[in-house]
Amino acid sequence: MKVNKTLTALIASAGLGLSGHAFAAASYVPTTAAGTPINNQVTLGYTVNDVPQTLDSAVSFVVDNKVDLNVTAQDSNTVKITPNGPIASQYYVAEFVIRNDGNSNQGYKFAATDTAAGTVNSGPNVTDSSDTATTSNFKVYVDSASGTVGSFDAANDTEDFIDSLAPGVTATVFVVIDNSATVTGTLADGDIAVVNLSAITLADNASSSSDLALANNHTDTYDKDNVQVVFVDTDNNGSESDTTAFEVQTASFTDPSNPSNPAVLTVDAINDFICKGATVVAADNIDYSNGSGNVCPNTDVSNYLPKSIPGGQVQFTYAAKNTGSVATTDATFTETIGAEYAADSLANVTATINSVAIPNANIVIGGTDNKTVTITLGAISTNAEIDISFTAIIE
């Protein structure tokens, strides 16, 4: 596909390039186009023996290619991402705009990279917290004239380069994370990845993103008859860049009493056949452990406290608080006890969210030997606390 546009033609055609890219005219002061011939003539007038004489001298040259460009991130807020995301058909997208500030049509290719930890991004003003905050497989796509112009459209925005962009014209470029290269699963809520997008100038009518970068003629002898390439961008290298920021936004379950610690699973021996004076069964649900305030019913022992011996009953307690920045959906708690526990001994399951009991219909004990408990918790809002307990008997 080729696109060869002038600023006037682009304005007249509502900014839609012939290549199918969506380009728009920007605020730009036109300059003399590269390749324009400029003819110059001087006249020397003089008199010989009272007779006027003139001598004309002429020289021509062509205007050289002044390569300049601008890349600007468009997101005023961080782009939110989720560990192990996105799912298929969803995308995390950062938007940039490139403008050709030179005097000749140019092609461009792009490179998106995760910056080093500590890199500061402005607008929004955040700092990269990890240089591996996302996978390095960012994809770059140019907005097309098909589909939804101005927003990423996976079905139509498939080109990763610009073949030809006229002076003063802008194009929208998207940096995309998709399901083929998901976000690192170990990231925590609030982690920041500052991402840099660089635009590299190519020759006009570029054929692909594999084209070599445009070479300059900075050290070449001046050639008035042929267009020479001069880089006038910030670093005089034919490339400009800007940064944006991706931010991890997820639920985070921690110890309700100390958010710096993970969610807590504890176990305590609450009954055994010595304490009870008989065989303990799954239906037993009284806690005789230290601090419970209950005394073992077996009068043949004094001050006895239950232990985790075979035939003894233990109680598991799970406590977690959502200290993340977003609520969850479809939360489920699952536990399968091991072969060390008696069949059909998993019992006395209770679950609450913010002290509100989960309905019994949402608590299911099943699986082989009824050793698996599944609790459907549903949505868990930020700062909500989960408390779950259940018992089992040691084989």
Protein backbone atom coordinates (compact mmCIF):
# COMPACT_ATOMS: atom_id res chain seq x y z
CA MET A 1 0.00 0.00 0.00
CA LYS A 2 1.29 3.47 -0.85
CA VAL A 3 0.22 6.87 0.37
CA ASN A 4 1.63 10.08 -1.05
CA LYS A 5 -0.19 13.05 0.41
CA THR A 6 0.29 16.78 0.57
CA LEU A 7 -1.02 18.84 3.46
CA THR A 8 -3.63 20.47 1.20
CA ALA A 9 -4.87 17.12 -0.08
CA LEU A 10 -5.13 15.71 3.42
CA ILE A 11 -7.20 18.63 4.69
CA ALA A 12 -9.48 18.33 1.67
CA SER A 13 -9.96 14.59 2.25
CA ALA A 14 -10.70 14.86 5.99
CA GLY A 15 -7.32 13.46 6.87
CA LEU A 16 -7.77 9.91 5.53
CA GLY A 17 -4.64 8.67 3.80
CA LEU A 18 -4.63 6.64 0.62
CA SER A 19 -2.88 3.82 2.45
CA GLY A 20 -5.85 3.37 4.77
CA HIS A 21 -4.19 5.08 7.74
CA ALA A 22 -6.08 7.75 9.62
CA PHE A 23 -3.97 10.89 9.43
CA ALA A 24 -4.93 14.41 10.46
CA ALA A 25 -3.56 17.85 9.77
CA ALA A 26 -1.88 19.47 12.77
CA SER A 27 -1.03 22.99 13.79
CA TYR A 28 1.94 23.48 11.54
CA VAL A 29 3.68 26.37 9.79
CA PRO A 30 4.46 25.23 6.22
CA THR A 31 8.04 25.51 5.04
CA THR A 32 9.53 25.13 1.60
CA ALA A 33 9.21 21.53 0.48
CA ALA A 34 12.30 19.40 0.04
CA GLY A 35 13.33 19.15 -3.61
CA THR A 36 11.94 22.56 -4.51
CA PRO A 37 14.28 24.22 -7.01
CA ILE A 38 15.21 27.80 -6.16
CA ASN A 39 16.56 29.88 -9.03
CA ASN A 40 18.66 32.92 -8.30
CA GLN A 41 19.93 35.59 -10.70
CA VAL A 42 22.03 38.66 -10.12
CA THR A 43 22.77 41.50 -12.51
CA LEU A 44 25.90 43.56 -12.66
CA GLY A 45 25.32 46.92 -14.37
CA TYR A 46 28.15 49.19 -15.53
CA THR A 47 29.05 51.76 -18.21
CA VAL A 48 31.79 51.67 -20.83
CA ASN A 49 32.35 54.81 -22.94
CA ASP A 50 29.01 56.09 -21.80
CA VAL A 51 27.35 52.92 -23.01
CA PRO A 52 25.37 51.00 -20.34
CA GLN A 53 26.31 47.36 -19.99
CA THR A 54 24.82 44.48 -17.94
CA LEU A 55 26.06 41.05 -16.93
CA ASP A 56 23.63 38.42 -15.61
CA SER A 57 24.78 35.52 -13.43
CA ALA A 58 22.45 32.70 -12.35
CA VAL A 59 22.62 29.77 -10.00
CA SER A 60 20.03 27.22 -8.91
CA PHE A 61 19.82 24.77 -6.06
CA VAL A 62 17.25 22.42 -4.51
CA VAL A 63 15.90 22.62 -0.97
CA ASP A 64 17.24 19.85 1.23
CA ASN A 65 15.18 17.46 3.38
CA LYS A 66 14.84 18.84 6.90
CA VAL A 67 13.88 15.79 8.98
CA ASP A 68 12.00 16.68 12.15
CA LEU A 69 9.21 14.95 14.05
CA ASN A 70 7.30 14.97 17.30
CA VAL A 71 5.96 12.08 19.41
CA THR A 72 3.49 12.81 22.21
CA ALA A 73 1.76 10.42 24.63
CA GLN A 74 -1.97 11.08 24.84
CA ASP A 75 -3.03 9.36 28.08
CA SER A 76 -3.45 11.76 31.00
CA ASN A 77 -3.89 8.83 33.41
CA THR A 78 -2.02 5.57 33.75
CA VAL A 79 -3.23 2.71 31.57
CA LYS A 80 -4.61 0.07 33.92
CA ILE A 81 -3.42 -3.52 33.53
CA THR A 82 -4.05 -6.76 35.46
CA PRO A 83 -1.55 -9.54 36.26
CA ASN A 84 -1.88 -12.44 33.78
CA GLY A 85 -4.12 -10.25 31.62
CA PRO A 86 -5.62 -9.42 29.30
CA ILE A 87 -7.98 -12.22 28.35
CA ALA A 88 -8.52 -13.08 24.70
CA SER A 89 -10.17 -10.29 22.68
CA GLN A 90 -9.23 -7.67 25.28
CA TYR A 91 -6.34 -5.24 25.03
CA TYR A 92 -4.36 -2.82 27.17
CA VAL A 93 -3.74 0.22 24.96
CA ALA A 94 -1.64 3.36 25.29
CA GLU A 95 -2.11 6.10 22.69
CA PHE A 96 0.53 8.30 21.08
CA VAL A 97 0.48 10.88 18.29
CA ILE A 98 3.33 11.38 15.83
CA ARG A 99 3.65 14.56 13.74
CA ASN A 100 5.90 15.14 10.77
CA ASP A 101 7.53 18.51 11.46
CA GLY A 102 9.84 18.29 8.48
CA ASN A 103 9.48 19.47 4.90
CA SER A 104 9.13 16.17 3.09
CA ASN A 105 6.88 13.13 3.17
CA GLN A 106 8.46 10.46 5.39
CA GLY A 107 7.84 6.90 6.48
CA TYR A 108 8.17 5.85 10.11
CA LYS A 109 8.66 2.68 12.12
CA PHE A 110 8.32 2.29 15.89
CA ALA A 111 9.87 0.61 18.92
CA ALA A 112 8.15 0.26 22.31
CA THR A 113 10.27 -0.67 25.32
CA ASP A 114 9.79 -1.06 29.05
CA THR A 115 12.09 1.46 30.73
CA ALA A 116 14.41 0.77 33.65
CA ALA A 117 13.15 0.90 37.22
CA GLY A 118 13.26 4.45 38.54
CA THR A 119 12.37 6.07 35.22
CA VAL A 120 10.07 9.03 35.83
CA ASN A 121 7.09 9.67 33.58
CA SER A 122 5.38 13.05 33.42
CA GLY A 123 1.66 13.37 32.71
CA PRO A 124 0.79 11.31 34.73
CA ASN A 125 3.70 11.92 37.07
CA VAL A 126 4.69 8.39 38.17
CA THR A 127 7.90 6.40 38.54
CA ASP A 128 8.66 2.98 37.11
CA SER A 129 8.70 0.47 39.98
CA SER A 130 10.09 -2.48 38.04
CA ASP A 131 11.99 -2.90 34.80
CA THR A 132 10.08 -6.15 34.26
CA ALA A 133 6.69 -4.71 35.08
CA THR A 134 5.17 -6.12 31.90
CA THR A 135 6.28 -8.57 29.28
CA SER A 136 8.61 -6.92 26.78
CA ASN A 137 6.38 -8.02 23.92
CA PHE A 138 4.64 -4.73 23.30
CA LYS A 139 2.98 -4.44 19.93
CA VAL A 140 2.70 -1.20 17.99
CA TYR A 141 -0.11 -0.45 15.55
CA VAL A 142 -1.00 2.60 13.48
CA ASP A 143 -4.58 3.84 13.54
CA SER A 144 -6.33 3.08 10.25
CA ALA A 145 -9.13 4.85 8.42
CA SER A 146 -11.31 1.77 8.84
CA GLY A 147 -13.29 0.80 11.92
CA THR A 148 -13.26 3.18 14.86
CA VAL A 149 -10.87 6.00 14.00
CA GLY A 150 -9.07 7.32 17.07
CA SER A 151 -9.51 4.14 19.12
CA PHE A 152 -7.67 0.83 18.82
CA ASP A 153 -9.57 -1.59 16.63
CA ALA A 154 -7.78 -4.96 16.40
CA ALA A 155 -9.64 -6.00 13.27
CA ASN A 156 -8.52 -2.96 11.29
CA ASP A 157 -5.45 -1.47 12.97
CA THR A 158 -2.92 -4.02 11.77
CA GLU A 159 -0.04 -2.01 10.28
CA ASP A 160 3.03 -1.44 12.44
CA PHE A 161 4.59 1.31 10.32
CA ILE A 162 3.67 4.44 8.36
CA ASP A 163 4.54 4.34 4.67
CA SER A 164 4.20 8.08 4.02
CA LEU A 165 3.26 10.98 6.24
CA ALA A 166 3.08 14.50 4.80
CA PRO A 167 4.62 17.52 6.55
CA GLY A 168 2.42 18.96 9.28
CA VAL A 169 0.26 15.84 9.44
CA THR A 170 -0.30 13.61 12.50
CA ALA A 171 -1.03 9.93 12.92
CA THR A 172 -2.24 8.04 15.98
CA VAL A 173 -0.11 5.12 17.13
CA PHE A 174 -1.10 2.53 19.72
CA VAL A 175 1.16 0.55 22.07
CA VAL A 176 -0.74 -2.64 22.83
CA ILE A 177 -0.49 -5.56 25.25
CA ASP A 178 -2.65 -8.47 24.13
CA ASN A 179 -3.38 -12.04 25.17
CA SER A 180 -0.39 -13.40 23.24
CA ALA A 181 2.02 -11.67 25.64
CA THR A 182 0.28 -11.20 28.96
CA VAL A 183 1.31 -9.10 31.93
CA THR A 184 3.63 -10.77 34.44
CA GLY A 185 1.55 -12.64 37.01
CA THR A 186 3.71 -11.78 40.02
CA LEU A 187 3.10 -8.05 39.91
CA ALA A 188 1.43 -6.29 42.82
CA ASP A 189 -1.34 -3.73 42.92
CA GLY A 190 0.08 -0.30 42.15
CA ASP A 191 3.20 -1.45 40.30
CA ILE A 192 4.15 0.97 37.54
CA ALA A 193 5.69 0.26 34.14
CA VAL A 194 6.89 3.33 32.28
CA VAL A 195 6.94 2.53 28.56
CA ASN A 196 8.84 4.42 25.89
CA LEU A 197 7.68 4.70 22.27
CA SER A 198 10.30 5.75 19.73
CA ALA A 199 9.51 6.75 16.15
CA ILE A 200 12.33 6.18 13.65
CA THR A 201 12.29 8.05 10.34
CA LEU A 202 12.25 6.02 7.13
CA ALA A 203 12.42 7.04 3.51
CA ASP A 204 9.14 8.09 1.92
CA ASN A 205 6.99 5.25 0.56
CA ALA A 206 8.36 2.82 3.15
CA SER A 207 7.44 -0.80 2.49
CA SER A 208 7.56 -2.30 5.98
CA SER A 209 8.80 -1.88 9.54
CA SER A 210 11.91 -3.80 8.47
CA ASP A 211 13.09 -0.93 6.28
CA LEU A 212 16.39 0.61 7.31
CA ALA A 213 16.29 3.93 9.10
CA LEU A 214 16.81 6.96 6.87
CA ALA A 215 20.47 7.94 6.56
CA ASN A 216 21.59 11.54 6.88
CA ASN A 217 24.11 13.56 4.88
CA HIS A 218 25.50 15.56 7.79
CA THR A 219 29.15 15.00 6.90
CA ASP A 220 28.73 14.95 3.13
CA THR A 221 29.97 17.77 0.94
CA TYR A 222 27.17 20.16 0.03
CA ASP A 223 25.51 19.20 -3.24
CA LYS A 224 23.29 21.98 -4.53
CA ASP A 225 21.74 19.88 -7.27
CA ASN A 226 20.53 16.95 -5.16
CA VAL A 227 18.38 16.70 -2.05
CA GLN A 228 20.43 15.94 1.04
CA VAL A 229 19.02 14.71 4.34
CA VAL A 230 19.52 16.76 7.50
CA PHE A 231 18.26 15.63 10.92
CA VAL A 232 17.11 18.59 13.03
CA ASP A 233 15.25 16.62 15.73
CA THR A 234 16.32 16.80 19.38
CA ASP A 235 19.27 14.40 19.13
CA ASN A 236 19.88 14.86 15.40
CA ASN A 237 19.27 11.17 14.81
CA GLY A 238 15.96 11.08 12.95
CA SER A 239 14.09 9.75 15.97
CA GLU A 240 11.88 11.13 18.72
CA SER A 241 10.14 9.44 21.65
CA ASP A 242 7.83 9.92 24.58
CA THR A 243 6.77 7.83 27.54
CA THR A 244 3.52 6.71 29.06
CA ALA A 245 2.74 4.55 32.10
CA PHE A 246 0.95 1.27 32.65
CA GLU A 247 -0.27 0.65 36.21
CA VAL A 248 -1.20 -2.66 37.79
CA GLN A 249 -4.71 -2.56 39.20
CA THR A 250 -5.88 -5.67 40.99
CA ALA A 251 -7.36 -7.08 44.15
CA SER A 252 -4.82 -7.95 46.82
CA PHE A 253 -5.62 -10.23 49.75
CA THR A 254 -3.58 -9.68 52.89
CA ASP A 255 -3.59 -10.35 56.60
CA PRO A 256 -6.45 -8.23 58.04
CA SER A 257 -4.32 -7.28 61.03
CA ASN A 258 -1.16 -6.52 59.03
CA PRO A 259 -1.54 -5.60 55.35
CA SER A 260 2.18 -6.11 54.73
CA ASN A 261 1.66 -9.86 55.28
CA PRO A 262 -0.23 -12.26 53.02
CA ALA A 263 -3.64 -13.71 53.85
CA VAL A 264 -3.51 -16.02 56.87
CA LEU A 265 -4.38 -19.73 57.13
CA THR A 266 -4.08 -21.12 60.66
CA VAL A 267 -4.81 -24.52 62.23
CA ASP A 268 -5.56 -25.55 65.81
CA ALA A 269 -6.29 -28.88 67.48
CA ILE A 270 -9.77 -28.49 69.02
CA ASN A 271 -10.80 -32.03 70.04
CA ASP A 272 -9.58 -35.63 70.28
CA PHE A 273 -10.73 -38.91 71.80
CA ILE A 274 -8.86 -38.24 75.05
CA CYS A 275 -10.59 -34.89 75.49
CA LYS A 276 -13.99 -36.23 74.45
CA GLY A 277 -13.68 -39.61 76.11
CA ALA A 278 -15.04 -41.19 72.95
CA THR A 279 -14.43 -41.28 69.22
CA VAL A 280 -14.55 -37.86 67.61
CA VAL A 281 -16.93 -37.63 64.63
CA ALA A 282 -17.30 -35.02 61.89
CA ALA A 283 -20.41 -33.54 63.46
CA ASP A 284 -18.49 -32.57 66.61
CA ASN A 285 -18.05 -28.84 66.53
CA ILE A 286 -17.07 -27.69 70.00
CA ASP A 287 -13.65 -26.11 70.39
CA TYR A 288 -11.79 -27.31 73.48
CA SER A 289 -8.48 -25.69 72.61
CA ASN A 290 -6.56 -23.36 74.87
CA GLY A 291 -8.37 -20.04 75.20
CA SER A 292 -11.70 -21.38 74.01
CA GLY A 293 -13.15 -21.35 77.51
CA ASN A 294 -14.45 -24.90 77.06
CA VAL A 295 -13.32 -27.81 79.26
CA CYS A 296 -12.85 -31.32 77.89
CA PRO A 297 -15.88 -33.44 78.81
CA ASN A 298 -13.78 -36.48 79.78
CA THR A 299 -13.64 -36.28 83.58
CA ASP A 300 -10.86 -38.86 83.70
CA VAL A 301 -8.38 -36.22 82.55
CA SER A 302 -7.65 -32.91 84.17
CA ASN A 303 -6.59 -29.72 82.40
CA TYR A 304 -6.07 -31.67 79.20
CA LEU A 305 -5.83 -29.75 75.93
CA PRO A 306 -6.46 -31.46 72.55
CA LYS A 307 -3.55 -32.41 70.28
CA SER A 308 -3.25 -33.24 66.58
CA ILE A 309 -3.10 -36.99 67.10
CA PRO A 310 -4.77 -39.58 64.82
CA GLY A 311 -8.45 -39.40 65.53
CA GLY A 312 -8.09 -35.78 66.62
CA GLN A 313 -10.12 -32.95 65.12
CA VAL A 314 -8.37 -29.82 63.81
CA GLN A 315 -9.92 -26.52 62.79
CA PHE A 316 -8.66 -24.40 59.93
CA THR A 317 -9.23 -20.65 59.88
CA TYR A 318 -8.63 -18.45 56.86
CA ALA A 319 -8.65 -14.65 57.11
CA ALA A 320 -8.08 -12.21 54.25
CA LYS A 321 -8.78 -8.57 53.45
CA ASN A 322 -8.96 -7.05 50.00
CA THR A 323 -6.43 -4.23 50.28
CA GLY A 324 -6.16 -3.87 46.51
CA SER A 325 -7.49 -1.01 44.42
CA VAL A 326 -10.38 -2.87 42.79
CA ALA A 327 -13.16 -5.26 43.76
CA THR A 328 -13.18 -8.85 42.60
CA THR A 329 -15.88 -10.66 40.69
CA ASP A 330 -16.77 -14.35 40.92
CA ALA A 331 -14.43 -15.09 43.85
CA THR A 332 -14.30 -18.75 44.91
CA PHE A 333 -12.54 -20.42 47.85
CA THR A 334 -11.46 -24.05 47.38
CA GLU A 335 -9.64 -26.48 49.64
CA THR A 336 -8.99 -30.20 49.25
CA ILE A 337 -7.68 -31.95 52.36
CA GLY A 338 -5.10 -34.71 51.93
CA ALA A 339 -4.90 -38.44 52.49
CA GLU A 340 -3.90 -37.81 56.12
CA TYR A 341 -7.52 -36.95 56.91
CA ALA A 342 -10.44 -39.36 57.35
CA ALA A 343 -13.00 -39.70 54.60
CA ASP A 344 -16.19 -37.68 55.14
CA SER A 345 -14.59 -35.80 58.04
CA LEU A 346 -14.49 -32.35 56.46
CA ALA A 347 -17.29 -30.44 58.17
CA ASN A 348 -18.43 -27.35 60.11
CA VAL A 349 -17.77 -24.95 57.25
CA THR A 350 -18.57 -21.29 57.90
CA ALA A 351 -17.80 -18.27 55.74
CA THR A 352 -18.46 -14.55 56.12
CA ILE A 353 -17.68 -11.35 54.23
CA ASN A 354 -17.61 -8.38 56.57
CA SER A 355 -19.31 -10.59 59.20
CA VAL A 356 -22.23 -11.35 56.84
CA ALA A 357 -22.69 -15.11 56.48
CA ILE A 358 -22.35 -16.74 53.08
CA PRO A 359 -25.54 -18.77 52.35
CA ASN A 360 -25.28 -22.52 52.88
CA ALA A 361 -26.26 -22.99 49.25
CA ASN A 362 -22.91 -21.42 48.31
CA ILE A 363 -20.94 -23.95 50.38
CA VAL A 364 -20.42 -27.36 48.78
CA ILE A 365 -18.51 -30.34 50.18
CA GLY A 366 -17.75 -33.01 47.58
CA GLY A 367 -15.08 -34.71 45.57
CA THR A 368 -13.42 -38.02 46.42
CA ASP A 369 -14.35 -39.04 49.99
CA ASN A 370 -15.98 -35.63 50.40
CA LYS A 371 -12.59 -34.04 50.97
CA THR A 372 -13.10 -30.85 48.92
CA VAL A 373 -14.92 -27.73 50.03
CA THR A 374 -15.89 -25.06 47.52
CA ILE A 375 -17.33 -21.73 48.65
CA THR A 376 -18.79 -19.29 46.13
CA LEU A 377 -18.01 -15.85 47.54
CA GLY A 378 -18.99 -13.66 44.60
CA ALA A 379 -17.90 -10.02 44.52
CA ILE A 380 -15.46 -8.85 47.17
CA SER A 381 -15.24 -5.08 47.44
CA THR A 382 -12.12 -3.16 48.42
CA ASN A 383 -11.40 -3.31 52.17
CA ALA A 384 -13.82 -6.23 52.59
CA GLU A 385 -12.71 -8.99 54.99
CA ILE A 386 -13.21 -12.73 54.44
CA ASP A 387 -13.33 -15.19 57.34
CA ILE A 388 -13.62 -18.94 56.67
CA SER A 389 -13.33 -21.93 58.99
CA PHE A 390 -13.79 -25.70 58.68
CA THR A 391 -12.80 -28.85 60.53
CA ALA A 392 -11.32 -32.23 59.63
CA ILE A 393 -10.31 -35.38 61.50
CA ILE A 394 -6.81 -36.83 61.24
CA GLU A 395 -6.73 -40.41 59.91
